[in-house]
PDB file of all heavy atoms in Angstrom:
ATOM      1  N   LEU A   1      63.336 -97.568-135.161  1.00  0.00           N
ATOM      2  CA  LEU A   1      63.003 -98.954-135.483  1.00  0.00           C
ATOM      3  C   LEU A   1      61.517 -99.134-135.764  1.00  0.00           C
ATOM      4  O   LEU A   1      61.126 -99.762-136.755  1.00  0.00           O
ATOM      5  CB  LEU A   1      63.436 -99.882-134.340  1.00  0.00           C
ATOM      6  CG  LEU A   1      64.894-100.339-134.359  1.00  0.00           C
ATOM      7  CD1 LEU A   1      65.842 -99.170-134.124  1.00  0.00           C
ATOM      8  CD2 LEU A   1      65.147-101.421-133.309  1.00  0.00           C
ATOM      9  N   GLY A   2      60.677 -98.606-134.888  1.00  0.00           N
ATOM     10  CA  GLY A   2      59.234 -98.776-135.036  1.00  0.00           C
ATOM     11  C   GLY A   2      58.714 -98.335-136.394  1.00  0.00           C
ATOM     12  O   GLY A   2      57.986 -99.079-137.057  1.00  0.00           O
ATOM     13  N   PRO A   3      59.070 -97.123-136.862  1.00  0.00           N
ATOM     14  CA  PRO A   3      58.574 -96.686-138.174  1.00  0.00           C
ATOM     15  C   PRO A   3      59.017 -97.585-139.328  1.00  0.00           C
ATOM     16  O   PRO A   3      58.284 -97.734-140.311  1.00  0.00           O
ATOM     17  CB  PRO A   3      59.166 -95.275-138.312  1.00  0.00           C
ATOM     18  CG  PRO A   3      59.339 -94.806-136.906  1.00  0.00           C
ATOM     19  CD  PRO A   3      59.733 -96.034-136.140  1.00  0.00           C
ATOM     20  N   ARG A   4      60.206 -98.169-139.234  1.00  0.00           N
ATOM     21  CA  ARG A   4      60.672 -99.049-140.312  1.00  0.00           C
ATOM     22  C   ARG A   4      59.850-100.327-140.371  1.00  0.00           C
ATOM     23  O   ARG A   4      59.555-100.840-141.460  1.00  0.00           O
ATOM     24  CB  ARG A   4      62.161 -99.334-140.146  1.00  0.00           C
ATOM     25  CG  ARG A   4      63.026 -98.160-140.581  1.00  0.00           C
ATOM     26  CD  ARG A   4      64.472 -98.252-140.154  1.00  0.00           C
ATOM     27  NE  ARG A   4      65.250 -97.190-140.808  1.00  0.00           N
ATOM     28  CZ  ARG A   4      65.254 -95.915-140.415  1.00  0.00           C
ATOM     29  NH1 ARG A   4      64.530 -95.548-139.356  1.00  0.00           N
ATOM     30  NH2 ARG A   4      65.959 -95.010-141.071  1.00  0.00           N
ATOM     31  N   ILE A   5      59.489-100.860-139.209  1.00  0.00           N
ATOM     32  CA  ILE A   5      58.632-102.050-139.205  1.00  0.00           C
ATOM     33  C   ILE A   5      57.219-101.675-139.639  1.00  0.00           C
ATOM     34  O   ILE A   5      56.597-102.360-140.460  1.00  0.00           O
ATOM     35  CB  ILE A   5      58.624-102.696-137.807  1.00  0.00           C
ATOM     36  CG1 ILE A   5      60.025-103.219-137.471  1.00  0.00           C
ATOM     37  CG2 ILE A   5      57.613-103.833-137.736  1.00  0.00           C
ATOM     38  CD1 ILE A   5      60.169-103.726-136.063  1.00  0.00           C
ATOM     39  N   ASN A   6      56.706-100.575-139.125  1.00  0.00           N
ATOM     40  CA  ASN A   6      55.352-100.145-139.486  1.00  0.00           C
ATOM     41  C   ASN A   6      55.208 -99.879-140.979  1.00  0.00           C
ATOM     42  O   ASN A   6      54.139-100.082-141.556  1.00  0.00           O
ATOM     43  CB  ASN A   6      54.976 -98.878-138.707  1.00  0.00           C
ATOM     44  CG  ASN A   6      54.471 -99.178-137.313  1.00  0.00           C
ATOM     45  OD1 ASN A   6      53.835-100.203-137.086  1.00  0.00           O
ATOM     46  ND2 ASN A   6      54.762 -98.300-136.370  1.00  0.00           N
ATOM     47  N   ALA A   7      56.290 -99.411-141.614  1.00  0.00           N
ATOM     48  CA  ALA A   7      56.219 -99.086-143.040  1.00  0.00           C
ATOM     49  C   ALA A   7      55.830-100.300-143.865  1.00  0.00           C
ATOM     50  O   ALA A   7      55.117-100.173-144.868  1.00  0.00           O
ATOM     51  CB  ALA A   7      57.563 -98.526-143.513  1.00  0.00           C
ATOM     52  N   ALA A   8      56.272-101.489-143.449  1.00  0.00           N
ATOM     53  CA  ALA A   8      55.925-102.709-144.189  1.00  0.00           C
ATOM     54  C   ALA A   8      54.424-102.924-144.188  1.00  0.00           C
ATOM     55  O   ALA A   8      53.826-103.274-145.211  1.00  0.00           O
ATOM     56  CB  ALA A   8      56.641-103.915-143.580  1.00  0.00           C
ATOM     57  N   GLY A   9      53.787-102.701-143.046  1.00  0.00           N
ATOM     58  CA  GLY A   9      52.347-102.877-142.966  1.00  0.00           C
ATOM     59  C   GLY A   9      51.568-101.789-143.681  1.00  0.00           C
ATOM     60  O   GLY A   9      50.433-101.994-144.091  1.00  0.00           O
ATOM     61  N   ARG A  10      52.192-100.615-143.842  1.00  0.00           N
ATOM     62  CA  ARG A  10      51.502 -99.505-144.495  1.00  0.00           C
ATOM     63  C   ARG A  10      51.559 -99.600-146.017  1.00  0.00           C
ATOM     64  O   ARG A  10      50.576 -99.299-146.705  1.00  0.00           O
ATOM     65  CB  ARG A  10      52.127 -98.176-144.053  1.00  0.00           C
ATOM     66  CG  ARG A  10      51.944 -97.869-142.585  1.00  0.00           C
ATOM     67  CD  ARG A  10      52.488 -96.489-142.234  1.00  0.00           C
ATOM     68  NE  ARG A  10      52.444 -96.251-140.797  1.00  0.00           N
ATOM     69  CZ  ARG A  10      51.351 -95.907-140.129  1.00  0.00           C
ATOM     70  NH1 ARG A  10      50.219 -95.752-140.777  1.00  0.00           N
ATOM     71  NH2 ARG A  10      51.395 -95.712-138.827  1.00  0.00           N
ATOM     72  N   LEU A  11      52.724 -99.975-146.538  1.00  0.00           N
ATOM     73  CA  LEU A  11      52.920 -99.914-147.986  1.00  0.00           C
ATOM     74  C   LEU A  11      53.139-101.273-148.645  1.00  0.00           C
ATOM     75  O   LEU A  11      53.008-101.394-149.859  1.00  0.00           O
ATOM     76  CB  LEU A  11      54.124 -99.018-148.320  1.00  0.00           C
ATOM     77  CG  LEU A  11      54.069 -97.564-147.860  1.00  0.00           C
ATOM     78  CD1 LEU A  11      55.274 -96.814-148.396  1.00  0.00           C
ATOM     79  CD2 LEU A  11      52.786 -96.888-148.297  1.00  0.00           C
ATOM     80  N   ALA A  12      53.518-102.292-147.876  1.00  0.00           N
ATOM     81  CA  ALA A  12      53.865-103.579-148.488  1.00  0.00           C
ATOM     82  C   ALA A  12      53.188-104.704-147.719  1.00  0.00           C
ATOM     83  O   ALA A  12      51.971-104.734-147.595  1.00  0.00           O
ATOM     84  CB  ALA A  12      55.395-103.745-148.517  1.00  0.00           C
ATOM     85  N   ASP A  13      53.975-105.609-147.195  1.00  0.00           N
ATOM     86  CA  ASP A  13      53.457-106.790-146.498  1.00  0.00           C
ATOM     87  C   ASP A  13      54.193-106.915-145.176  1.00  0.00           C
ATOM     88  O   ASP A  13      55.429-106.998-145.146  1.00  0.00           O
ATOM     89  CB  ASP A  13      53.707-108.025-147.379  1.00  0.00           C
ATOM     90  CG  ASP A  13      53.192-109.317-146.755  1.00  0.00           C
ATOM     91  OD1 ASP A  13      52.704-109.266-145.603  1.00  0.00           O
ATOM     92  OD2 ASP A  13      53.294-110.357-147.405  1.00  0.00           O
ATOM     93  N   MET A  14      53.449-106.934-144.046  1.00  0.00           N
ATOM     94  CA  MET A  14      54.086-106.995-142.740  1.00  0.00           C
ATOM     95  C   MET A  14      54.871-108.291-142.538  1.00  0.00           C
ATOM     96  O   MET A  14      55.677-108.387-141.611  1.00  0.00           O
ATOM     97  CB  MET A  14      53.045-106.802-141.637  1.00  0.00           C
ATOM     98  CG  MET A  14      53.636-106.749-140.230  1.00  0.00           C
ATOM     99  SD  MET A  14      55.053-105.638-140.027  1.00  0.00           S
ATOM    100  CE  MET A  14      54.233-104.121-139.549  1.00  0.00           C
ATOM    101  N   THR A  15      54.672-109.266-143.410  1.00  0.00           N
ATOM    102  CA  THR A  15      55.490-110.475-143.338  1.00  0.00           C
ATOM    103  C   THR A  15      56.977-110.127-143.369  1.00  0.00           C
ATOM    104  O   THR A  15      57.792-110.776-142.705  1.00  0.00           O
ATOM    105  CB  THR A  15      55.149-111.419-144.509  1.00  0.00           C
ATOM    106  OG1 THR A  15      53.767-111.756-144.432  1.00  0.00           O
ATOM    107  CG2 THR A  15      55.976-112.694-144.453  1.00  0.00           C
ATOM    108  N   LEU A  16      57.347-109.086-144.117  1.00  0.00           N
ATOM    109  CA  LEU A  16      58.752-108.659-144.166  1.00  0.00           C
ATOM    110  C   LEU A  16      59.249-108.263-142.776  1.00  0.00           C
ATOM    111  O   LEU A  16      60.354-108.634-142.370  1.00  0.00           O
ATOM    112  CB  LEU A  16      58.906-107.470-145.124  1.00  0.00           C
ATOM    113  CG  LEU A  16      58.701-107.733-146.614  1.00  0.00           C
ATOM    114  CD1 LEU A  16      58.687-106.416-147.378  1.00  0.00           C
ATOM    115  CD2 LEU A  16      59.792-108.652-147.139  1.00  0.00           C
ATOM    116  N   GLY A  17      58.432-107.490-142.057  1.00  0.00           N
ATOM    117  CA  GLY A  17      58.819-107.063-140.719  1.00  0.00           C
ATOM    118  C   GLY A  17      58.909-108.228-139.757  1.00  0.00           C
ATOM    119  O   GLY A  17      59.856-108.326-138.956  1.00  0.00           O
ATOM    120  N   ILE A  18      57.940-109.134-139.825  1.00  0.00           N
ATOM    121  CA  ILE A  18      57.936-110.278-138.910  1.00  0.00           C
ATOM    122  C   ILE A  18      59.109-111.203-139.203  1.00  0.00           C
ATOM    123  O   ILE A  18      59.790-111.681-138.279  1.00  0.00           O
ATOM    124  CB  ILE A  18      56.589-111.027-139.006  1.00  0.00           C
ATOM    125  CG1 ILE A  18      55.455-110.130-138.512  1.00  0.00           C
ATOM    126  CG2 ILE A  18      56.640-112.328-138.205  1.00  0.00           C
ATOM    127  CD1 ILE A  18      54.069-110.684-138.750  1.00  0.00           C
ATOM    128  N   GLU A  19      59.383-111.451-140.489  1.00  0.00           N
ATOM    129  CA  GLU A  19      60.516-112.310-140.843  1.00  0.00           C
ATOM    130  C   GLU A  19      61.832-111.709-140.365  1.00  0.00           C
ATOM    131  O   GLU A  19      62.740-112.425-139.941  1.00  0.00           O
ATOM    132  CB  GLU A  19      60.549-112.548-142.354  1.00  0.00           C
ATOM    133  CG  GLU A  19      59.501-113.532-142.842  1.00  0.00           C
ATOM    134  CD  GLU A  19      59.682-114.914-142.219  1.00  0.00           C
ATOM    135  OE1 GLU A  19      60.809-115.448-142.249  1.00  0.00           O
ATOM    136  OE2 GLU A  19      58.682-115.453-141.695  1.00  0.00           O
ATOM    137  N   CYS A  20      61.943-110.376-140.436  1.00  0.00           N
ATOM    138  CA  CYS A  20      63.146-109.716-139.935  1.00  0.00           C
ATOM    139  C   CYS A  20      63.332-109.981-138.440  1.00  0.00           C
ATOM    140  O   CYS A  20      64.449-110.213-137.969  1.00  0.00           O
ATOM    141  CB  CYS A  20      63.074-108.217-140.210  1.00  0.00           C
ATOM    142  SG  CYS A  20      64.552-107.288-139.738  1.00  0.00           S
ATOM    143  N   LEU A  21      62.237-109.977-137.703  1.00  0.00           N
ATOM    144  CA  LEU A  21      62.302-110.194-136.256  1.00  0.00           C
ATOM    145  C   LEU A  21      62.458-111.671-135.890  1.00  0.00           C
ATOM    146  O   LEU A  21      62.856-111.992-134.767  1.00  0.00           O
ATOM    147  CB  LEU A  21      61.043-109.634-135.592  1.00  0.00           C
ATOM    148  CG  LEU A  21      60.807-108.128-135.766  1.00  0.00           C
ATOM    149  CD1 LEU A  21      59.481-107.722-135.155  1.00  0.00           C
ATOM    150  CD2 LEU A  21      61.950-107.322-135.162  1.00  0.00           C
ATOM    151  N   LEU A  22      62.145-112.559-136.825  1.00  0.00           N
ATOM    152  CA  LEU A  22      62.210-114.001-136.535  1.00  0.00           C
ATOM    153  C   LEU A  22      63.538-114.643-136.926  1.00  0.00           C
ATOM    154  O   LEU A  22      63.954-115.626-136.314  1.00  0.00           O
ATOM    155  CB  LEU A  22      61.077-114.742-137.261  1.00  0.00           C
ATOM    156  CG  LEU A  22      59.685-114.622-136.675  1.00  0.00           C
ATOM    157  CD1 LEU A  22      58.676-115.355-137.558  1.00  0.00           C
ATOM    158  CD2 LEU A  22      59.640-115.189-135.256  1.00  0.00           C
ATOM    159  N   THR A  23      64.212-114.102-137.941  1.00  0.00           N
ATOM    160  CA  THR A  23      65.406-114.779-138.435  1.00  0.00           C
ATOM    161  C   THR A  23      66.562-114.685-137.445  1.00  0.00           C
ATOM    162  O   THR A  23      66.728-113.681-136.754  1.00  0.00           O
ATOM    163  CB  THR A  23      65.844-114.208-139.794  1.00  0.00           C
ATOM    164  OG1 THR A  23      66.949-114.977-140.281  1.00  0.00           O
ATOM    165  CG2 THR A  23      66.269-112.749-139.684  1.00  0.00           C
ATOM    166  N   ASP A  24      67.351-115.739-137.400  1.00  0.00           N
ATOM    167  CA  ASP A  24      68.586-115.743-136.603  1.00  0.00           C
ATOM    168  C   ASP A  24      69.814-115.633-137.494  1.00  0.00           C
ATOM    169  O   ASP A  24      70.945-115.692-137.008  1.00  0.00           O
ATOM    170  CB  ASP A  24      68.668-117.022-135.763  1.00  0.00           C
ATOM    171  CG  ASP A  24      67.606-117.064-134.674  1.00  0.00           C
ATOM    172  OD1 ASP A  24      67.377-116.019-134.035  1.00  0.00           O
ATOM    173  OD2 ASP A  24      66.996-118.133-134.469  1.00  0.00           O
ATOM    174  N   ASP A  25      69.582-115.486-138.793  1.00  0.00           N
ATOM    175  CA  ASP A  25      70.659-115.355-139.765  1.00  0.00           C
ATOM    176  C   ASP A  25      70.976-113.871-139.940  1.00  0.00           C
ATOM    177  O   ASP A  25      70.146-113.103-140.440  1.00  0.00           O
ATOM    178  CB  ASP A  25      70.228-115.977-141.092  1.00  0.00           C
ATOM    179  CG  ASP A  25      71.319-115.932-142.154  1.00  0.00           C
ATOM    180  OD1 ASP A  25      71.826-114.828-142.439  1.00  0.00           O
ATOM    181  OD2 ASP A  25      71.665-116.998-142.700  1.00  0.00           O
ATOM    182  N   ALA A  26      72.182-113.449-139.541  1.00  0.00           N
ATOM    183  CA  ALA A  26      72.538-112.031-139.581  1.00  0.00           C
ATOM    184  C   ALA A  26      72.485-111.470-140.994  1.00  0.00           C
ATOM    185  O   ALA A  26      72.046-110.329-141.204  1.00  0.00           O
ATOM    186  CB  ALA A  26      73.923-111.818-138.981  1.00  0.00           C
ATOM    187  N   GLY A  27      72.920-112.254-141.978  1.00  0.00           N
ATOM    188  CA  GLY A  27      72.895-111.789-143.358  1.00  0.00           C
ATOM    189  C   GLY A  27      71.480-111.570-143.853  1.00  0.00           C
ATOM    190  O   GLY A  27      71.176-110.561-144.500  1.00  0.00           O
ATOM    191  N   ARG A  28      70.593-112.528-143.553  1.00  0.00           N
ATOM    192  CA  ARG A  28      69.190-112.395-143.937  1.00  0.00           C
ATOM    193  C   ARG A  28      68.547-111.214-143.212  1.00  0.00           C
ATOM    194  O   ARG A  28      67.752-110.469-143.800  1.00  0.00           O
ATOM    195  CB  ARG A  28      68.449-113.694-143.599  1.00  0.00           C
ATOM    196  CG  ARG A  28      66.953-113.676-143.853  1.00  0.00           C
ATOM    197  CD  ARG A  28      66.615-113.535-145.306  1.00  0.00           C
ATOM    198  NE  ARG A  28      65.172-113.678-145.547  1.00  0.00           N
ATOM    199  CZ  ARG A  28      64.555-113.140-146.584  1.00  0.00           C
ATOM    200  NH1 ARG A  28      65.225-112.439-147.493  1.00  0.00           N
ATOM    201  NH2 ARG A  28      63.248-113.304-146.749  1.00  0.00           N
ATOM    202  N   ALA A  29      68.894-111.028-141.943  1.00  0.00           N
ATOM    203  CA  ALA A  29      68.352-109.903-141.174  1.00  0.00           C
ATOM    204  C   ALA A  29      68.769-108.574-141.791  1.00  0.00           C
ATOM    205  O   ALA A  29      67.960-107.646-141.911  1.00  0.00           O
ATOM    206  CB  ALA A  29      68.814-109.986-139.719  1.00  0.00           C
ATOM    207  N   ASP A  30      70.042-108.465-142.196  1.00  0.00           N
ATOM    208  CA  ASP A  30      70.516-107.230-142.831  1.00  0.00           C
ATOM    209  C   ASP A  30      69.761-106.958-144.127  1.00  0.00           C
ATOM    210  O   ASP A  30      69.390-105.818-144.419  1.00  0.00           O
ATOM    211  CB  ASP A  30      72.019-107.324-143.110  1.00  0.00           C
ATOM    212  CG  ASP A  30      72.857-107.090-141.861  1.00  0.00           C
ATOM    213  OD1 ASP A  30      72.323-106.508-140.894  1.00  0.00           O
ATOM    214  OD2 ASP A  30      74.031-107.483-141.853  1.00  0.00           O
ATOM    215  N   GLU A  31      69.545-108.013-144.913  1.00  0.00           N
ATOM    216  CA  GLU A  31      68.827-107.869-146.179  1.00  0.00           C
ATOM    217  C   GLU A  31      67.401-107.360-145.943  1.00  0.00           C
ATOM    218  O   GLU A  31      66.933-106.431-146.608  1.00  0.00           O
ATOM    219  CB  GLU A  31      68.799-109.211-146.905  1.00  0.00           C
ATOM    220  CG  GLU A  31      68.031-109.199-148.217  1.00  0.00           C
ATOM    221  CD  GLU A  31      67.878-110.585-148.827  1.00  0.00           C
ATOM    222  OE1 GLU A  31      68.366-111.560-148.220  1.00  0.00           O
ATOM    223  OE2 GLU A  31      67.259-110.696-149.902  1.00  0.00           O
ATOM    224  N   LEU A  32      66.714-107.967-144.974  1.00  0.00           N
ATOM    225  CA  LEU A  32      65.337-107.560-144.680  1.00  0.00           C
ATOM    226  C   LEU A  32      65.289-106.152-144.088  1.00  0.00           C
ATOM    227  O   LEU A  32      64.391-105.365-144.413  1.00  0.00           O
ATOM    228  CB  LEU A  32      64.697-108.568-143.726  1.00  0.00           C
ATOM    229  CG  LEU A  32      64.386-109.941-144.336  1.00  0.00           C
ATOM    230  CD1 LEU A  32      64.098-110.961-143.243  1.00  0.00           C
ATOM    231  CD2 LEU A  32      63.202-109.845-145.299  1.00  0.00           C
ATOM    232  N   ALA A  33      66.253-105.832-143.223  1.00  0.00           N
ATOM    233  CA  ALA A  33      66.278-104.491-142.625  1.00  0.00           C
ATOM    234  C   ALA A  33      66.503-103.430-143.687  1.00  0.00           C
ATOM    235  O   ALA A  33      65.913-102.339-143.626  1.00  0.00           O
ATOM    236  CB  ALA A  33      67.369-104.414-141.555  1.00  0.00           C
ATOM    237  N   ARG A  34      67.353-103.725-144.666  1.00  0.00           N
ATOM    238  CA  ARG A  34      67.567-102.767-145.765  1.00  0.00           C
ATOM    239  C   ARG A  34      66.292-102.601-146.589  1.00  0.00           C
ATOM    240  O   ARG A  34      65.961-101.492-147.023  1.00  0.00           O
ATOM    241  CB  ARG A  34      68.729-103.222-146.651  1.00  0.00           C
ATOM    242  CG  ARG A  34      70.102-103.021-146.024  1.00  0.00           C
ATOM    243  CD  ARG A  34      71.203-103.155-147.060  1.00  0.00           C
ATOM    244  NE  ARG A  34      71.232-104.467-147.683  1.00  0.00           N
ATOM    245  CZ  ARG A  34      71.922-105.503-147.231  1.00  0.00           C
ATOM    246  NH1 ARG A  34      72.646-105.369-146.121  1.00  0.00           N
ATOM    247  NH2 ARG A  34      71.904-106.666-147.853  1.00  0.00           N
ATOM    248  N   MET A  35      65.559-103.696-146.796  1.00  0.00           N
ATOM    249  CA  MET A  35      64.285-103.599-147.513  1.00  0.00           C
ATOM    250  C   MET A  35      63.297-102.734-146.739  1.00  0.00           C
ATOM    251  O   MET A  35      62.619-101.875-147.313  1.00  0.00           O
ATOM    252  CB  MET A  35      63.715-105.001-147.739  1.00  0.00           C
ATOM    253  CG  MET A  35      64.494-105.846-148.714  1.00  0.00           C
ATOM    254  SD  MET A  35      63.866-107.550-148.824  1.00  0.00           S
ATOM    255  CE  MET A  35      62.249-107.248-149.533  1.00  0.00           C
ATOM    256  N   LEU A  36      63.226-102.958-145.436  1.00  0.00           N
ATOM    257  CA  LEU A  36      62.316-102.171-144.599  1.00  0.00           C
ATOM    258  C   LEU A  36      62.718-100.697-144.596  1.00  0.00           C
ATOM    259  O   LEU A  36      61.858 -99.805-144.615  1.00  0.00           O
ATOM    260  CB  LEU A  36      62.303-102.719-143.169  1.00  0.00           C
ATOM    261  CG  LEU A  36      61.685-104.106-142.997  1.00  0.00           C
ATOM    262  CD1 LEU A  36      61.961-104.651-141.596  1.00  0.00           C
ATOM    263  CD2 LEU A  36      60.176-104.063-143.253  1.00  0.00           C
ATOM    264  N   ASP A  37      64.015-100.437-144.597  1.00  0.00           N
ATOM    265  CA  ASP A  37      64.492 -99.060-144.636  1.00  0.00           C
ATOM    266  C   ASP A  37      64.079 -98.394-145.950  1.00  0.00           C
ATOM    267  O   ASP A  37      63.647 -97.231-145.967  1.00  0.00           O
ATOM    268  CB  ASP A  37      66.018 -99.038-144.495  1.00  0.00           C
ATOM    269  CG  ASP A  37      66.567 -97.623-144.401  1.00  0.00           C
ATOM    270  OD1 ASP A  37      66.190 -96.897-143.462  1.00  0.00           O
ATOM    271  OD2 ASP A  37      67.360 -97.239-145.284  1.00  0.00           O
ATOM    272  N   GLY A  38      64.169 -99.135-147.056  1.00  0.00           N
ATOM    273  CA  GLY A  38      63.753 -98.600-148.343  1.00  0.00           C
ATOM    274  C   GLY A  38      62.265 -98.309-148.388  1.00  0.00           C
ATOM    275  O   GLY A  38      61.834 -97.275-148.919  1.00  0.00           O
ATOM    276  N   ILE A  39      61.472 -99.225-147.832  1.00  0.00           N
ATOM    277  CA  ILE A  39      60.016 -99.005-147.785  1.00  0.00           C
ATOM    278  C   ILE A  39      59.697 -97.790-146.930  1.00  0.00           C
ATOM    279  O   ILE A  39      58.808 -96.993-147.248  1.00  0.00           O
ATOM    280  CB  ILE A  39      59.302-100.261-147.246  1.00  0.00           C
ATOM    281  CG1 ILE A  39      59.513-101.442-148.193  1.00  0.00           C
ATOM    282  CG2 ILE A  39      57.804-100.002-147.059  1.00  0.00           C
ATOM    283  CD1 ILE A  39      59.073-102.777-147.601  1.00  0.00           C
ATOM    284  N   ASN A  40      60.455 -97.616-145.841  1.00  0.00           N
ATOM    285  CA  ASN A  40      60.214 -96.463-144.974  1.00  0.00           C
ATOM    286  C   ASN A  40      60.557 -95.156-145.678  1.00  0.00           C
ATOM    287  O   ASN A  40      59.886 -94.130-145.480  1.00  0.00           O
ATOM    288  CB  ASN A  40      61.032 -96.600-143.685  1.00  0.00           C
ATOM    289  CG  ASN A  40      60.620 -95.592-142.632  1.00  0.00           C
ATOM    290  OD1 ASN A  40      59.440 -95.474-142.315  1.00  0.00           O
ATOM    291  ND2 ASN A  40      61.581 -94.847-142.105  1.00  0.00           N
ATOM    292  N   ARG A  41      61.598 -95.173-146.500  1.00  0.00           N
ATOM    293  CA  ARG A  41      61.929 -93.972-147.275  1.00  0.00           C
ATOM    294  C   ARG A  41      60.785 -93.645-148.244  1.00  0.00           C
ATOM    295  O   ARG A  41      60.424 -92.477-148.419  1.00  0.00           O
ATOM    296  CB  ARG A  41      63.233 -94.188-148.040  1.00  0.00           C
ATOM    297  CG  ARG A  41      64.463 -94.281-147.154  1.00  0.00           C
ATOM    298  CD  ARG A  41      65.721 -94.588-147.969  1.00  0.00           C
ATOM    299  NE  ARG A  41      66.836 -94.899-147.112  1.00  0.00           N
ATOM    300  CZ  ARG A  41      67.634 -94.010-146.550  1.00  0.00           C
ATOM    301  NH1 ARG A  41      67.423 -92.712-146.776  1.00  0.00           N
ATOM    302  NH2 ARG A  41      68.635 -94.376-145.776  1.00  0.00           N
ATOM    303  N   GLU A  42      60.248 -94.687-148.871  1.00  0.00           N
ATOM    304  CA  GLU A  42      59.107 -94.485-149.761  1.00  0.00           C
ATOM    305  C   GLU A  42      57.918 -93.923-148.985  1.00  0.00           C
ATOM    306  O   GLU A  42      57.217 -93.022-149.450  1.00  0.00           O
ATOM    307  CB  GLU A  42      58.731 -95.810-150.434  1.00  0.00           C
ATOM    308  CG  GLU A  42      57.555 -95.688-151.389  1.00  0.00           C
ATOM    309  CD  GLU A  42      57.109 -97.043-151.932  1.00  0.00           C
ATOM    310  OE1 GLU A  42      57.726 -98.073-151.595  1.00  0.00           O
ATOM    311  OE2 GLU A  42      56.101 -97.068-152.673  1.00  0.00           O
ATOM    312  N   ARG A  43      57.702 -94.467-147.785  1.00  0.00           N
ATOM    313  CA  ARG A  43      56.609 -93.975-146.943  1.00  0.00           C
ATOM    314  C   ARG A  43      56.792 -92.500-146.621  1.00  0.00           C
ATOM    315  O   ARG A  43      55.842 -91.711-146.673  1.00  0.00           O
ATOM    316  CB  ARG A  43      56.568 -94.806-145.647  1.00  0.00           C
ATOM    317  CG  ARG A  43      55.389 -94.505-144.726  1.00  0.00           C
ATOM    318  CD  ARG A  43      55.653 -93.395-143.727  1.00  0.00           C
ATOM    319  NE  ARG A  43      56.820 -93.635-142.910  1.00  0.00           N
ATOM    320  CZ  ARG A  43      57.374 -92.706-142.124  1.00  0.00           C
ATOM    321  NH1 ARG A  43      56.886 -91.471-142.087  1.00  0.00           N
ATOM    322  NH2 ARG A  43      58.442 -92.988-141.402  1.00  0.00           N
ATOM    323  N   ARG A  44      58.025 -92.087-146.321  1.00  0.00           N
ATOM    324  CA  ARG A  44      58.275 -90.681-146.010  1.00  0.00           C
ATOM    325  C   ARG A  44      58.005 -89.789-147.207  1.00  0.00           C
ATOM    326  O   ARG A  44      57.474 -88.686-147.063  1.00  0.00           O
ATOM    327  CB  ARG A  44      59.726 -90.501-145.516  1.00  0.00           C
ATOM    328  CG  ARG A  44      59.955 -90.973-144.096  1.00  0.00           C
ATOM    329  CD  ARG A  44      61.182 -90.312-143.494  1.00  0.00           C
ATOM    330  NE  ARG A  44      62.402 -90.696-144.199  1.00  0.00           N
ATOM    331  CZ  ARG A  44      63.285 -91.580-143.756  1.00  0.00           C
ATOM    332  NH1 ARG A  44      63.071 -92.212-142.619  1.00  0.00           N
ATOM    333  NH2 ARG A  44      64.375 -91.849-144.436  1.00  0.00           N
TER     334      ARG A  44
END
């Protein structure tokens, strides 16, 4: 989990990570988590 959130701050905008942690909408959370996962793959 940590590297996926950190990836947003390294390569994009940490707002993505914070919004993922703030939303109570499961669908929105899944969308943001998939984005963070993609950014983390790019980081790797």
